[in-house]
Each structure stands twice: as C-alpha cells, then as structure tokens.
Amino acid sequence: KEREQKTGGPIPEIRRYVEEHFSEPQLNLNDVADHFRLTPSYLSQLFKEQVGVNFSSFLEDLRLEAACRCLDQQMPVSEVAEKVGYSSVYVFRSAFKRKLGIPPSGYRPK
C-alpha cells in the first residue's frame, strides 16, 4: 500500500519556525513542541511521517548546511559553531565529522 505524502497540519509552519530559529543553541524538540502546544512524542512522530527524517536530523542538517556556507567564507571554526547554534566547538566538530566524513577544518578550500 502506497503511503500518502501528507502536507497539512502544523508541519509546514513548524518547519518554517525551525528554519528561522535553528541557530539558537537551546532550540530542541521539547521547546518546539511547547511552542506549538504539542507533546514532544506527537511532534516527533508527525515530523518523521511528513518530513521523512526525525526532528533532530532535520535540525542538525540545517545547522551543518549553514556551517558549510560559513566555512566557504573562511569564517573560523569556533565562530561557525556558535553562529549555527552549537553550544560547543567540540559538539560541532563531532557532528560535522559524523555527517560529512571530514572535520570542519578539512572542508575549507586550500
């Protein structure tokens, strides 16, 4: 049985909210659920069904895409981490390397 792609409900608005606020280090599933008056588990399930990835992967992908744009502009790694919403350079480096297979310093054009 084919799964319908659902686009109604709060998800489009939630995606926009996350896209506008991803650089805030405190942004997480619980805060977004509170903001939209949903339970975290319901938001998580809805997000996965309609977006195709879980909430934390979506947030991490947004942050890392922004990080790559900053690195392209020769911004220092510590500044990039802060600008895209990571609470520490260590967490940023680890997420970057896990997703892209290289450390942020290796991403820079030589």
N, C-alpha and C. Protein backbone atom coordinates (compact mmCIF):
# COMPACT_ATOMS: atom_id res chain seq x y z
N LYS A 1 0.85 -1.20 0.00
CA LYS A 1 0.00 0.00 0.00
C LYS A 1 0.88 1.25 0.00
N GLU A 2 0.58 2.16 -0.91
CA GLU A 2 1.37 3.39 -1.00
C GLU A 2 1.04 4.33 0.14
N ARG A 3 2.09 4.96 0.65
CA ARG A 3 1.90 5.93 1.72
C ARG A 3 1.68 7.30 1.12
N GLU A 4 0.63 7.96 1.54
CA GLU A 4 0.35 9.31 1.04
C GLU A 4 1.32 10.29 1.66
N GLN A 5 1.76 11.24 0.88
CA GLN A 5 2.57 12.33 1.41
C GLN A 5 1.61 13.36 1.98
N LYS A 6 1.62 13.49 3.29
CA LYS A 6 0.71 14.44 3.94
C LYS A 6 1.43 15.76 4.11
N THR A 7 0.76 16.84 3.79
CA THR A 7 1.41 18.15 3.94
C THR A 7 0.57 19.11 4.78
N GLY A 8 -0.55 18.66 5.26
CA GLY A 8 -1.40 19.55 6.06
C GLY A 8 -0.95 19.62 7.49
N GLY A 9 -1.77 20.20 8.31
CA GLY A 9 -1.49 20.27 9.74
C GLY A 9 -0.37 21.26 10.05
N PRO A 10 0.23 21.10 11.21
CA PRO A 10 1.19 22.10 11.69
C PRO A 10 2.60 21.97 11.12
N ILE A 11 2.90 20.89 10.40
CA ILE A 11 4.29 20.65 9.99
C ILE A 11 4.90 21.75 9.11
N PRO A 12 4.19 22.26 8.09
CA PRO A 12 4.82 23.34 7.30
C PRO A 12 5.21 24.55 8.16
N GLU A 13 4.33 24.91 9.08
CA GLU A 13 4.62 26.04 9.96
C GLU A 13 5.77 25.70 10.92
N ILE A 14 5.82 24.47 11.41
CA ILE A 14 6.90 24.04 12.30
C ILE A 14 8.24 24.06 11.56
N ARG A 15 8.23 23.57 10.32
CA ARG A 15 9.47 23.59 9.51
C ARG A 15 9.97 25.02 9.35
N ARG A 16 9.07 25.93 9.02
CA ARG A 16 9.46 27.34 8.86
C ARG A 16 10.06 27.88 10.16
N TYR A 17 9.40 27.57 11.27
CA TYR A 17 9.88 28.03 12.58
C TYR A 17 11.30 27.52 12.85
N VAL A 18 11.51 26.23 12.60
CA VAL A 18 12.84 25.63 12.84
C VAL A 18 13.87 26.25 11.89
N GLU A 19 13.49 26.46 10.64
CA GLU A 19 14.41 27.07 9.67
C GLU A 19 14.79 28.50 10.06
N GLU A 20 13.89 29.21 10.74
CA GLU A 20 14.17 30.57 11.17
C GLU A 20 14.95 30.63 12.49
N HIS A 21 14.86 29.57 13.30
CA HIS A 21 15.44 29.60 14.65
C HIS A 21 16.55 28.57 14.89
N PHE A 22 16.99 27.87 13.84
CA PHE A 22 17.96 26.78 14.03
C PHE A 22 19.27 27.24 14.69
N SER A 23 19.61 28.51 14.53
CA SER A 23 20.89 28.99 15.08
C SER A 23 20.83 29.27 16.58
N GLU A 24 19.67 29.06 17.20
CA GLU A 24 19.56 29.24 18.65
C GLU A 24 19.96 27.92 19.31
N PRO A 25 21.06 27.93 20.10
CA PRO A 25 21.57 26.68 20.68
C PRO A 25 20.55 25.91 21.51
N GLN A 26 19.62 26.62 22.15
CA GLN A 26 18.65 25.95 23.02
C GLN A 26 17.49 25.33 22.25
N LEU A 27 17.40 25.56 20.94
CA LEU A 27 16.28 25.00 20.17
C LEU A 27 16.35 23.48 20.17
N ASN A 28 15.26 22.85 20.57
CA ASN A 28 15.19 21.39 20.56
C ASN A 28 13.73 20.95 20.42
N LEU A 29 13.55 19.65 20.32
CA LEU A 29 12.21 19.09 20.12
C LEU A 29 11.23 19.55 21.20
N ASN A 30 11.64 19.52 22.45
CA ASN A 30 10.73 19.90 23.55
C ASN A 30 10.29 21.35 23.44
N ASP A 31 11.23 22.24 23.12
CA ASP A 31 10.89 23.66 23.00
C ASP A 31 9.93 23.92 21.84
N VAL A 32 10.20 23.26 20.71
CA VAL A 32 9.34 23.44 19.54
C VAL A 32 7.95 22.87 19.83
N ALA A 33 7.90 21.71 20.47
CA ALA A 33 6.61 21.10 20.83
C ALA A 33 5.83 22.04 21.75
N ASP A 34 6.51 22.61 22.76
CA ASP A 34 5.87 23.57 23.67
C ASP A 34 5.33 24.77 22.89
N HIS A 35 6.16 25.30 22.01
CA HIS A 35 5.78 26.48 21.23
C HIS A 35 4.49 26.23 20.43
N PHE A 36 4.36 25.03 19.89
CA PHE A 36 3.19 24.71 19.07
C PHE A 36 2.10 23.94 19.84
N ARG A 37 2.27 23.88 21.17
CA ARG A 37 1.30 23.23 22.05
C ARG A 37 1.03 21.77 21.64
N LEU A 38 2.13 21.04 21.39
CA LEU A 38 2.04 19.61 21.07
C LEU A 38 2.91 18.86 22.06
N THR A 39 2.66 17.56 22.20
CA THR A 39 3.58 16.78 23.02
C THR A 39 4.81 16.47 22.17
N PRO A 40 5.97 16.37 22.80
CA PRO A 40 7.18 16.05 22.04
C PRO A 40 7.05 14.74 21.25
N SER A 41 6.42 13.73 21.84
CA SER A 41 6.30 12.45 21.13
C SER A 41 5.39 12.56 19.91
N TYR A 42 4.32 13.34 20.02
CA TYR A 42 3.41 13.53 18.88
C TYR A 42 4.12 14.32 17.78
N LEU A 43 4.81 15.40 18.15
CA LEU A 43 5.54 16.20 17.18
C LEU A 43 6.59 15.33 16.48
N SER A 44 7.30 14.54 17.24
CA SER A 44 8.34 13.68 16.69
C SER A 44 7.77 12.71 15.66
N GLN A 45 6.67 12.08 16.01
CA GLN A 45 6.02 11.12 15.11
C GLN A 45 5.51 11.82 13.85
N LEU A 46 4.84 12.94 14.01
CA LEU A 46 4.28 13.70 12.90
C LEU A 46 5.40 14.17 11.96
N PHE A 47 6.48 14.66 12.57
CA PHE A 47 7.60 15.17 11.79
C PHE A 47 8.21 14.06 10.93
N LYS A 48 8.45 12.93 11.55
CA LYS A 48 9.04 11.79 10.82
C LYS A 48 8.13 11.34 9.68
N GLU A 49 6.82 11.26 9.94
CA GLU A 49 5.86 10.83 8.92
C GLU A 49 5.82 11.78 7.74
N GLN A 50 5.81 13.08 8.02
CA GLN A 50 5.58 14.06 6.95
C GLN A 50 6.86 14.60 6.31
N VAL A 51 7.95 14.64 7.05
CA VAL A 51 9.18 15.20 6.51
C VAL A 51 10.11 14.09 6.03
N GLY A 52 9.99 12.91 6.64
CA GLY A 52 10.79 11.78 6.21
C GLY A 52 12.07 11.57 7.00
N VAL A 53 12.40 12.51 7.87
CA VAL A 53 13.54 12.35 8.78
C VAL A 53 13.09 12.78 10.16
N ASN A 54 13.81 12.34 11.18
CA ASN A 54 13.39 12.76 12.52
C ASN A 54 13.80 14.20 12.78
N PHE A 55 13.19 14.78 13.79
CA PHE A 55 13.37 16.20 14.09
C PHE A 55 14.85 16.55 14.29
N SER A 56 15.56 15.76 15.09
CA SER A 56 16.95 16.12 15.39
C SER A 56 17.84 16.04 14.14
N SER A 57 17.57 15.10 13.25
CA SER A 57 18.34 15.03 11.99
C SER A 57 18.06 16.26 11.13
N PHE A 58 16.80 16.66 11.07
CA PHE A 58 16.42 17.85 10.30
C PHE A 58 17.15 19.08 10.83
N LEU A 59 17.15 19.25 12.16
CA LEU A 59 17.80 20.39 12.79
C LEU A 59 19.31 20.35 12.54
N GLU A 60 19.90 19.18 12.71
CA GLU A 60 21.34 19.04 12.51
C GLU A 60 21.71 19.34 11.04
N ASP A 61 20.91 18.85 10.10
CA ASP A 61 21.17 19.11 8.69
C ASP A 61 21.12 20.61 8.38
N LEU A 62 20.13 21.30 8.93
CA LEU A 62 20.05 22.76 8.73
C LEU A 62 21.30 23.46 9.26
N ARG A 63 21.72 23.06 10.45
CA ARG A 63 22.89 23.68 11.06
C ARG A 63 24.16 23.40 10.26
N LEU A 64 24.30 22.18 9.78
CA LEU A 64 25.52 21.82 9.04
C LEU A 64 25.55 22.45 7.65
N GLU A 65 24.39 22.59 7.01
CA GLU A 65 24.35 23.29 5.72
C GLU A 65 24.79 24.75 5.90
N ALA A 66 24.29 25.38 6.95
CA ALA A 66 24.68 26.76 7.24
C ALA A 66 26.18 26.83 7.58
N ALA A 67 26.67 25.83 8.29
CA ALA A 67 28.09 25.78 8.65
C ALA A 67 28.96 25.72 7.41
N CYS A 68 28.57 24.92 6.44
CA CYS A 68 29.34 24.81 5.19
C CYS A 68 29.39 26.15 4.46
N ARG A 69 28.28 26.86 4.46
CA ARG A 69 28.27 28.20 3.83
C ARG A 69 29.23 29.15 4.55
N CYS A 70 29.25 29.07 5.88
CA CYS A 70 30.16 29.93 6.66
C CYS A 70 31.62 29.54 6.41
N LEU A 71 31.90 28.25 6.36
CA LEU A 71 33.27 27.79 6.11
C LEU A 71 33.74 28.21 4.72
N ASP A 72 32.81 28.23 3.77
CA ASP A 72 33.14 28.71 2.41
C ASP A 72 33.61 30.16 2.44
N GLN A 73 33.14 30.91 3.44
CA GLN A 73 33.50 32.33 3.57
C GLN A 73 34.71 32.52 4.49
N GLN A 74 35.42 31.42 4.75
CA GLN A 74 36.66 31.46 5.56
C GLN A 74 36.44 31.88 7.02
N MET A 75 35.24 31.68 7.54
CA MET A 75 34.97 32.02 8.94
C MET A 75 35.68 31.00 9.85
N PRO A 76 36.27 31.43 10.96
CA PRO A 76 36.92 30.49 11.89
C PRO A 76 35.92 29.44 12.43
N VAL A 77 36.41 28.23 12.62
CA VAL A 77 35.56 27.11 13.05
C VAL A 77 34.81 27.44 14.34
N SER A 78 35.47 28.07 15.30
CA SER A 78 34.79 28.39 16.57
C SER A 78 33.63 29.36 16.35
N GLU A 79 33.82 30.32 15.45
CA GLU A 79 32.74 31.26 15.12
C GLU A 79 31.59 30.56 14.42
N VAL A 80 31.94 29.67 13.50
CA VAL A 80 30.92 28.92 12.76
C VAL A 80 30.05 28.13 13.72
N ALA A 81 30.69 27.42 14.64
CA ALA A 81 29.96 26.59 15.60
C ALA A 81 28.93 27.42 16.37
N GLU A 82 29.36 28.58 16.84
CA GLU A 82 28.47 29.46 17.60
C GLU A 82 27.36 30.02 16.71
N LYS A 83 27.72 30.45 15.51
CA LYS A 83 26.76 31.09 14.61
C LYS A 83 25.63 30.16 14.18
N VAL A 84 25.93 28.87 14.02
CA VAL A 84 24.92 27.93 13.53
C VAL A 84 24.20 27.18 14.66
N GLY A 85 24.46 27.53 15.91
CA GLY A 85 23.65 27.01 17.01
C GLY A 85 24.23 25.89 17.83
N TYR A 86 25.53 25.63 17.70
CA TYR A 86 26.13 24.59 18.55
C TYR A 86 26.61 25.21 19.85
N SER A 87 26.38 24.48 20.94
CA SER A 87 26.74 25.01 22.26
C SER A 87 28.24 24.91 22.51
N SER A 88 28.94 24.06 21.75
CA SER A 88 30.40 23.98 21.89
C SER A 88 31.03 23.59 20.56
N VAL A 89 32.29 23.99 20.41
CA VAL A 89 33.04 23.65 19.20
C VAL A 89 33.20 22.14 19.10
N TYR A 90 33.40 21.50 20.25
CA TYR A 90 33.59 20.05 20.27
C TYR A 90 32.37 19.33 19.69
N VAL A 91 31.18 19.71 20.13
CA VAL A 91 29.94 19.09 19.64
C VAL A 91 29.79 19.35 18.14
N PHE A 92 30.11 20.58 17.72
CA PHE A 92 30.04 20.94 16.31
C PHE A 92 30.99 20.08 15.48
N ARG A 93 32.25 20.01 15.90
CA ARG A 93 33.24 19.22 15.15
C ARG A 93 32.81 17.77 15.02
N SER A 94 32.31 17.24 16.11
CA SER A 94 31.91 15.83 16.11
C SER A 94 30.71 15.59 15.18
N ALA A 95 29.72 16.47 15.20
CA ALA A 95 28.55 16.33 14.32
C ALA A 95 28.97 16.50 12.85
N PHE A 96 29.84 17.47 12.59
CA PHE A 96 30.30 17.73 11.23
C PHE A 96 31.02 16.51 10.67
N LYS A 97 31.94 15.97 11.46
CA LYS A 97 32.72 14.83 11.01
C LYS A 97 31.83 13.59 10.82
N ARG A 98 30.87 13.40 11.71
CA ARG A 98 29.96 12.24 11.62
C ARG A 98 29.12 12.32 10.33
N LYS A 99 28.62 13.52 10.02
CA LYS A 99 27.74 13.66 8.85
C LYS A 99 28.50 13.77 7.53
N LEU A 100 29.62 14.51 7.53
CA LEU A 100 30.32 14.79 6.27
C LEU A 100 31.59 13.96 6.07
N GLY A 101 32.02 13.26 7.12
CA GLY A 101 33.18 12.38 6.98
C GLY A 101 34.53 13.07 7.08
N ILE A 102 34.53 14.39 7.27
CA ILE A 102 35.77 15.15 7.43
C ILE A 102 35.56 16.18 8.53
N PRO A 103 36.64 16.62 9.17
CA PRO A 103 36.47 17.70 10.18
C PRO A 103 36.21 19.03 9.46
N PRO A 104 35.61 19.99 10.17
CA PRO A 104 35.33 21.29 9.54
C PRO A 104 36.58 21.91 8.93
N SER A 105 37.72 21.75 9.57
CA SER A 105 38.96 22.35 9.02
C SER A 105 39.34 21.70 7.69
N GLY A 106 38.94 20.46 7.48
CA GLY A 106 39.23 19.77 6.22
C GLY A 106 38.29 20.17 5.09
N TYR A 107 37.21 20.86 5.43
CA TYR A 107 36.21 21.28 4.45
C TYR A 107 36.67 22.51 3.68
N ARG A 108 37.49 23.30 4.31
CA ARG A 108 37.91 24.58 3.73
C ARG A 108 38.66 24.40 2.43
N PRO A 109 38.45 25.33 1.50
CA PRO A 109 39.26 25.30 0.28
C PRO A 109 40.71 25.59 0.65
N LYS A 110 41.65 24.89 0.07
CA LYS A 110 43.07 25.06 0.43
C LYS A 110 43.66 26.29 -0.24
